[in-house]
Amino acid sequence: MKESFIILLFFCAGVLLGRLDVLPSAIAESDAVTWIVYLMLAAVGMGLGFDVRAWRILRELKGWVLAVPAVIILGTAAGAIGAWLLLNDMSLRDVLAVAAGFGYYSLSSMLIAREADASLASMALLANMTRELAALVFAPLLVRLAGGLGPLAAAGAASDTCLSVIIRTSGERNAILAVFSGMLITVLVPVFITAIFAWM
């Protein structure tokens, strides 16, 4: 739990530094964050590649590799519909589009800004960042309430920013599942958002 609060503290420090405008604007305008995430994913990939047991575990998981992301997607859609029923001042299309970010706040907010408007994109950014932060902070609680698969509700974020917390709280087996589940959901984010705006 202490590590989750450290992560939250660093996030808050980043927000504060951004608001105070004390860092060079080139940092915000560059792709540095994206490249850091890529490097982190490469490091995780190398760790899995070197670990022969990871591939054995993946073979043993069989159907879970697809069942877990399917349940996360359906659960997110159900939660979005429940939120829509409570917040009847938003269209179902907009609520589903925000939820379809699956914790991938950077890409989802960009796609939504292109398809709709900046205010909905801002809502997507905040909603998906909140999902990721909740997974980071409450991962130990999610394990106690829902078992080792609980923190995988981070969806797309389970394969990158939330992975270290998932490894610590859920164990190696579920972390391997988190990587594959998170990557599959991340790939589906643009597909879902584009389909929602095209068909609704």
C-alpha atoms as a PDB file:
ATOM      1  CA  MET A   1       0.000   0.000   0.000  1.00  0.00           C
ATOM      2  CA  LYS A   2       2.918   2.347   0.761  1.00  0.00           C
ATOM      3  CA  GLU A   3       4.184   2.024  -2.831  1.00  0.00           C
ATOM      4  CA  SER A   4       0.748   3.033  -4.171  1.00  0.00           C
ATOM      5  CA  PHE A   5       0.830   6.243  -2.148  1.00  0.00           C
ATOM      6  CA  ILE A   6       4.370   6.972  -3.367  1.00  0.00           C
ATOM      7  CA  ILE A   7       3.131   6.640  -6.961  1.00  0.00           C
ATOM      8  CA  LEU A   8       0.180   8.929  -6.163  1.00  0.00           C
ATOM      9  CA  LEU A   9       2.562  11.430  -4.536  1.00  0.00           C
ATOM     10  CA  PHE A  10       4.759  11.538  -7.641  1.00  0.00           C
ATOM     11  CA  PHE A  11       1.677  12.043  -9.818  1.00  0.00           C
ATOM     12  CA  CYS A  12       0.498  14.948  -7.622  1.00  0.00           C
ATOM     13  CA  ALA A  13       4.007  16.443  -7.739  1.00  0.00           C
ATOM     14  CA  GLY A  14       3.876  16.272 -11.551  1.00  0.00           C
ATOM     15  CA  VAL A  15       0.492  18.005 -11.624  1.00  0.00           C
ATOM     16  CA  LEU A  16       1.805  20.715  -9.274  1.00  0.00           C
ATOM     17  CA  LEU A  17       4.959  21.260 -11.354  1.00  0.00           C
ATOM     18  CA  GLY A  18       2.831  21.519 -14.477  1.00  0.00           C
ATOM     19  CA  ARG A  19       0.436  24.017 -12.890  1.00  0.00           C
ATOM     20  CA  LEU A  20       3.233  26.178 -11.475  1.00  0.00           C
ATOM     21  CA  ASP A  21       4.824  26.323 -14.945  1.00  0.00           C
ATOM     22  CA  VAL A  22       8.345  25.968 -13.531  1.00  0.00           C
ATOM     23  CA  LEU A  23       9.574  23.403 -16.063  1.00  0.00           C
ATOM     24  CA  PRO A  24      10.559  24.225 -19.650  1.00  0.00           C
ATOM     25  CA  SER A  25       7.550  23.972 -21.991  1.00  0.00           C
ATOM     26  CA  ALA A  26       9.632  21.725 -24.280  1.00  0.00           C
ATOM     27  CA  ILE A  27       9.121  18.877 -21.778  1.00  0.00           C
ATOM     28  CA  ALA A  28       5.333  19.036 -22.089  1.00  0.00           C
ATOM     29  CA  GLU A  29       5.475  19.405 -25.873  1.00  0.00           C
ATOM     30  CA  SER A  30       7.921  16.528 -26.405  1.00  0.00           C
ATOM     31  CA  ASP A  31       7.209  12.817 -26.700  1.00  0.00           C
ATOM     32  CA  ALA A  32       9.386  12.069 -23.639  1.00  0.00           C
ATOM     33  CA  VAL A  33       6.544  10.498 -21.636  1.00  0.00           C
ATOM     34  CA  THR A  34       5.572   8.252 -24.540  1.00  0.00           C
ATOM     35  CA  TRP A  35       9.177   7.083 -24.966  1.00  0.00           C
ATOM     36  CA  ILE A  36       9.496   6.408 -21.216  1.00  0.00           C
ATOM     37  CA  VAL A  37       6.378   4.199 -21.398  1.00  0.00           C
ATOM     38  CA  TYR A  38       7.855   2.435 -24.458  1.00  0.00           C
ATOM     39  CA  LEU A  39      11.115   1.802 -22.589  1.00  0.00           C
ATOM     40  CA  MET A  40       9.208   0.481 -19.580  1.00  0.00           C
ATOM     41  CA  LEU A  41       7.219  -1.873 -21.829  1.00  0.00           C
ATOM     42  CA  ALA A  42      10.453  -3.021 -23.491  1.00  0.00           C
ATOM     43  CA  ALA A  43      11.965  -3.754 -20.062  1.00  0.00           C
ATOM     44  CA  VAL A  44       8.853  -5.737 -19.060  1.00  0.00           C
ATOM     45  CA  GLY A  45       8.961  -7.570 -22.393  1.00  0.00           C
ATOM     46  CA  MET A  46      12.624  -8.475 -21.909  1.00  0.00           C
ATOM     47  CA  GLY A  47      11.837  -9.718 -18.405  1.00  0.00           C
ATOM     48  CA  LEU A  48       9.074 -11.932 -19.778  1.00  0.00           C
ATOM     49  CA  GLY A  49      11.214 -13.043 -22.713  1.00  0.00           C
ATOM     50  CA  PHE A  50      14.038 -14.143 -20.420  1.00  0.00           C
ATOM     51  CA  ASP A  51      11.610 -15.897 -18.083  1.00  0.00           C
ATOM     52  CA  VAL A  52      10.881 -19.336 -19.533  1.00  0.00           C
ATOM     53  CA  ARG A  53       8.371 -19.936 -16.718  1.00  0.00           C
ATOM     54  CA  ALA A  54       6.249 -16.989 -17.961  1.00  0.00           C
ATOM     55  CA  TRP A  55       5.534 -18.764 -21.237  1.00  0.00           C
ATOM     56  CA  ARG A  56       4.723 -21.993 -19.409  1.00  0.00           C
ATOM     57  CA  ILE A  57       2.305 -20.089 -17.160  1.00  0.00           C
ATOM     58  CA  LEU A  58       0.728 -18.430 -20.206  1.00  0.00           C
ATOM     59  CA  ARG A  59       0.098 -21.825 -21.807  1.00  0.00           C
ATOM     60  CA  GLU A  60      -1.433 -23.068 -18.550  1.00  0.00           C
ATOM     61  CA  LEU A  61      -3.808 -20.071 -18.394  1.00  0.00           C
ATOM     62  CA  LYS A  62      -5.398 -21.073 -21.731  1.00  0.00           C
ATOM     63  CA  GLY A  63      -8.854 -19.429 -21.993  1.00  0.00           C
ATOM     64  CA  TRP A  64      -8.176 -16.892 -19.240  1.00  0.00           C
ATOM     65  CA  VAL A  65      -6.038 -14.869 -21.653  1.00  0.00           C
ATOM     66  CA  LEU A  66      -9.219 -13.900 -23.546  1.00  0.00           C
ATOM     67  CA  ALA A  67     -11.788 -14.317 -20.746  1.00  0.00           C
ATOM     68  CA  VAL A  68     -10.229 -11.671 -18.469  1.00  0.00           C
ATOM     69  CA  PRO A  69     -10.210  -8.817 -21.027  1.00  0.00           C
ATOM     70  CA  ALA A  70     -13.716  -9.819 -22.174  1.00  0.00           C
ATOM     71  CA  VAL A  71     -15.042  -9.551 -18.597  1.00  0.00           C
ATOM     72  CA  ILE A  72     -13.241  -6.216 -18.091  1.00  0.00           C
ATOM     73  CA  ILE A  73     -14.781  -4.815 -21.302  1.00  0.00           C
ATOM     74  CA  LEU A  74     -18.287  -6.050 -20.402  1.00  0.00           C
ATOM     75  CA  GLY A  75     -17.962  -4.810 -16.808  1.00  0.00           C
ATOM     76  CA  THR A  76     -16.830  -1.382 -18.020  1.00  0.00           C
ATOM     77  CA  ALA A  77     -19.773  -1.177 -20.436  1.00  0.00           C
ATOM     78  CA  ALA A  78     -22.191  -2.188 -17.664  1.00  0.00           C
ATOM     79  CA  GLY A  79     -20.684   0.439 -15.334  1.00  0.00           C
ATOM     80  CA  ALA A  80     -20.973   3.082 -18.068  1.00  0.00           C
ATOM     81  CA  ILE A  81     -24.639   2.247 -18.645  1.00  0.00           C
ATOM     82  CA  GLY A  82     -25.249   2.460 -14.877  1.00  0.00           C
ATOM     83  CA  ALA A  83     -23.533   5.878 -14.805  1.00  0.00           C
ATOM     84  CA  TRP A  84     -25.620   7.011 -17.787  1.00  0.00           C
ATOM     85  CA  LEU A  85     -28.830   6.082 -15.952  1.00  0.00           C
ATOM     86  CA  LEU A  86     -27.697   8.209 -12.985  1.00  0.00           C
ATOM     87  CA  LEU A  87     -26.310  11.094 -15.076  1.00  0.00           C
ATOM     88  CA  ASN A  88     -29.233  11.543 -17.427  1.00  0.00           C
ATOM     89  CA  ASP A  89     -27.852  14.849 -18.754  1.00  0.00           C
ATOM     90  CA  MET A  90     -25.294  13.015 -20.961  1.00  0.00           C
ATOM     91  CA  SER A  91     -25.966  10.900 -24.015  1.00  0.00           C
ATOM     92  CA  LEU A  92     -25.294   7.166 -23.840  1.00  0.00           C
ATOM     93  CA  ARG A  93     -22.879   7.576 -26.757  1.00  0.00           C
ATOM     94  CA  ASP A  94     -20.751  10.079 -24.832  1.00  0.00           C
ATOM     95  CA  VAL A  95     -20.710   8.003 -21.635  1.00  0.00           C
ATOM     96  CA  LEU A  96     -19.711   4.844 -23.525  1.00  0.00           C
ATOM     97  CA  ALA A  97     -17.008   6.741 -25.444  1.00  0.00           C
ATOM     98  CA  VAL A  98     -15.472   8.019 -22.195  1.00  0.00           C
ATOM     99  CA  ALA A  99     -15.583   4.521 -20.681  1.00  0.00           C
ATOM    100  CA  ALA A 100     -14.044   3.020 -23.847  1.00  0.00           C
ATOM    101  CA  GLY A 101     -10.761   4.697 -22.937  1.00  0.00           C
ATOM    102  CA  PHE A 102     -10.148   1.731 -20.574  1.00  0.00           C
ATOM    103  CA  GLY A 103      -7.519   3.675 -18.625  1.00  0.00           C
ATOM    104  CA  TYR A 104      -5.644   4.721 -21.782  1.00  0.00           C
ATOM    105  CA  TYR A 105      -6.248   8.410 -21.131  1.00  0.00           C
ATOM    106  CA  SER A 106      -3.781   9.935 -23.614  1.00  0.00           C
ATOM    107  CA  LEU A 107      -5.040   8.217 -26.770  1.00  0.00           C
ATOM    108  CA  SER A 108      -8.727   8.128 -25.767  1.00  0.00           C
ATOM    109  CA  SER A 109      -8.905  11.854 -25.005  1.00  0.00           C
ATOM    110  CA  MET A 110      -7.193  12.648 -28.316  1.00  0.00           C
ATOM    111  CA  LEU A 111      -9.605  10.429 -30.277  1.00  0.00           C
ATOM    112  CA  ILE A 112     -12.644  11.852 -28.480  1.00  0.00           C
ATOM    113  CA  ALA A 113     -11.463  15.432 -29.088  1.00  0.00           C
ATOM    114  CA  ARG A 114     -11.321  14.609 -32.794  1.00  0.00           C
ATOM    115  CA  GLU A 115     -14.752  12.918 -32.851  1.00  0.00           C
ATOM    116  CA  ALA A 116     -16.638  15.198 -30.417  1.00  0.00           C
ATOM    117  CA  ASP A 117     -15.347  18.219 -28.482  1.00  0.00           C
ATOM    118  CA  ALA A 118     -12.689  19.313 -25.989  1.00  0.00           C
ATOM    119  CA  SER A 119     -14.979  19.148 -22.952  1.00  0.00           C
ATOM    120  CA  LEU A 120     -15.807  15.479 -23.534  1.00  0.00           C
ATOM    121  CA  ALA A 121     -12.117  14.803 -24.209  1.00  0.00           C
ATOM    122  CA  SER A 122     -11.262  16.441 -20.859  1.00  0.00           C
ATOM    123  CA  MET A 123     -13.840  14.250 -19.146  1.00  0.00           C
ATOM    124  CA  ALA A 124     -12.299  11.176 -20.790  1.00  0.00           C
ATOM    125  CA  LEU A 125      -8.853  12.245 -19.610  1.00  0.00           C
ATOM    126  CA  LEU A 126     -10.006  12.678 -16.003  1.00  0.00           C
ATOM    127  CA  ALA A 127     -12.164   9.526 -15.941  1.00  0.00           C
ATOM    128  CA  ASN A 128      -9.412   7.300 -17.336  1.00  0.00           C
ATOM    129  CA  MET A 129      -6.707   8.835 -15.140  1.00  0.00           C
ATOM    130  CA  THR A 130      -8.987   8.224 -12.158  1.00  0.00           C
ATOM    131  CA  ARG A 131      -9.360   4.575 -13.195  1.00  0.00           C
ATOM    132  CA  GLU A 132      -5.603   4.163 -13.364  1.00  0.00           C
ATOM    133  CA  LEU A 133      -4.995   5.986 -10.067  1.00  0.00           C
ATOM    134  CA  ALA A 134      -7.696   3.961  -8.319  1.00  0.00           C
ATOM    135  CA  ALA A 135      -6.022   0.744  -9.503  1.00  0.00           C
ATOM    136  CA  LEU A 136      -2.625   1.986  -8.298  1.00  0.00           C
ATOM    137  CA  VAL A 137      -3.816   3.159  -4.884  1.00  0.00           C
ATOM    138  CA  PHE A 138      -6.375   0.458  -4.130  1.00  0.00           C
ATOM    139  CA  ALA A 139      -4.624  -2.587  -5.658  1.00  0.00           C
ATOM    140  CA  PRO A 140      -4.092  -4.302  -2.262  1.00  0.00           C
ATOM    141  CA  LEU A 141      -7.747  -3.688  -1.358  1.00  0.00           C
ATOM    142  CA  LEU A 142      -8.896  -5.015  -4.749  1.00  0.00           C
ATOM    143  CA  VAL A 143      -6.879  -8.199  -4.142  1.00  0.00           C
ATOM    144  CA  ARG A 144      -8.555  -8.663  -0.746  1.00  0.00           C
ATOM    145  CA  LEU A 145     -12.046  -8.034  -2.144  1.00  0.00           C
ATOM    146  CA  ALA A 146     -11.855  -9.724  -5.556  1.00  0.00           C
ATOM    147  CA  GLY A 147      -8.771 -11.939  -5.456  1.00  0.00           C
ATOM    148  CA  GLY A 148      -5.610 -11.663  -7.534  1.00  0.00           C
ATOM    149  CA  LEU A 149      -7.471 -10.642 -10.688  1.00  0.00           C
ATOM    150  CA  GLY A 150      -8.972  -7.546  -8.997  1.00  0.00           C
ATOM    151  CA  PRO A 151      -6.227  -5.048  -9.963  1.00  0.00           C
ATOM    152  CA  LEU A 152      -6.493  -6.146 -13.599  1.00  0.00           C
ATOM    153  CA  ALA A 153      -9.594  -3.905 -13.689  1.00  0.00           C
ATOM    154  CA  ALA A 154      -7.049  -1.183 -14.526  1.00  0.00           C
ATOM    155  CA  ALA A 155      -7.723  -2.467 -18.081  1.00  0.00           C
ATOM    156  CA  GLY A 156      -5.220  -0.973 -20.551  1.00  0.00           C
ATOM    157  CA  ALA A 157      -3.092   0.465 -17.756  1.00  0.00           C
ATOM    158  CA  ALA A 158      -2.587  -3.043 -16.331  1.00  0.00           C
ATOM    159  CA  SER A 159       0.100  -3.726 -18.944  1.00  0.00           C
ATOM    160  CA  ASP A 160       2.205  -0.628 -18.254  1.00  0.00           C
ATOM    161  CA  THR A 161       1.849   1.913 -15.432  1.00  0.00           C
ATOM    162  CA  CYS A 162      -0.054  -0.397 -13.064  1.00  0.00           C
ATOM    163  CA  LEU A 163       2.063  -3.467 -13.802  1.00  0.00           C
ATOM    164  CA  SER A 164       4.588  -3.018 -10.994  1.00  0.00           C
ATOM    165  CA  VAL A 165       1.761  -2.760  -8.431  1.00  0.00           C
ATOM    166  CA  ILE A 166       0.029  -5.808  -9.936  1.00  0.00           C
ATOM    167  CA  ILE A 167       3.258  -7.824  -9.710  1.00  0.00           C
ATOM    168  CA  ARG A 168       3.604  -6.946  -6.014  1.00  0.00           C
ATOM    169  CA  THR A 169      -0.029  -7.450  -5.010  1.00  0.00           C
ATOM    170  CA  SER A 170      -1.295 -10.175  -7.374  1.00  0.00           C
ATOM    171  CA  GLY A 171       1.787 -12.253  -8.081  1.00  0.00           C
ATOM    172  CA  GLU A 172       3.684 -13.320 -11.172  1.00  0.00           C
ATOM    173  CA  ARG A 173       0.924 -15.467 -12.669  1.00  0.00           C
ATOM    174  CA  ASN A 174      -1.644 -12.653 -12.651  1.00  0.00           C
ATOM    175  CA  ALA A 175       0.986 -10.122 -13.776  1.00  0.00           C
ATOM    176  CA  ILE A 176       1.607 -12.161 -16.930  1.00  0.00           C
ATOM    177  CA  LEU A 177      -2.139 -12.230 -17.520  1.00  0.00           C
ATOM    178  CA  ALA A 178      -2.243  -8.445 -16.889  1.00  0.00           C
ATOM    179  CA  VAL A 179       0.330  -7.798 -19.631  1.00  0.00           C
ATOM    180  CA  PHE A 180      -1.569  -9.726 -22.296  1.00  0.00           C
ATOM    181  CA  SER A 181      -5.011  -8.532 -21.163  1.00  0.00           C
ATOM    182  CA  GLY A 182      -3.854  -4.901 -20.958  1.00  0.00           C
ATOM    183  CA  MET A 183      -2.193  -4.996 -24.368  1.00  0.00           C
ATOM    184  CA  LEU A 184      -5.279  -6.500 -26.021  1.00  0.00           C
ATOM    185  CA  ILE A 185      -7.563  -3.878 -24.441  1.00  0.00           C
ATOM    186  CA  THR A 186      -5.151  -1.062 -25.385  1.00  0.00           C
ATOM    187  CA  VAL A 187      -5.245  -2.169 -29.040  1.00  0.00           C
ATOM    188  CA  LEU A 188      -9.071  -2.187 -28.915  1.00  0.00           C
ATOM    189  CA  VAL A 189      -9.417   1.377 -27.507  1.00  0.00           C
ATOM    190  CA  PRO A 190      -9.345   3.170 -30.909  1.00  0.00           C
ATOM    191  CA  VAL A 191     -11.575   0.467 -32.399  1.00  0.00           C
ATOM    192  CA  PHE A 192     -14.267   0.898 -29.720  1.00  0.00           C
ATOM    193  CA  ILE A 193     -14.169   4.716 -29.647  1.00  0.00           C
ATOM    194  CA  THR A 194     -14.342   5.001 -33.439  1.00  0.00           C
ATOM    195  CA  ALA A 195     -17.192   2.443 -33.607  1.00  0.00           C
ATOM    196  CA  ILE A 196     -19.187   4.227 -30.857  1.00  0.00           C
ATOM    197  CA  PHE A 197     -19.089   7.558 -32.707  1.00  0.00           C
ATOM    198  CA  ALA A 198     -19.753   5.924 -36.081  1.00  0.00           C
ATOM    199  CA  TRP A 199     -22.743   3.817 -35.024  1.00  0.00           C
ATOM    200  CA  MET A 200     -24.459   5.755 -32.223  1.00  0.00           C
END
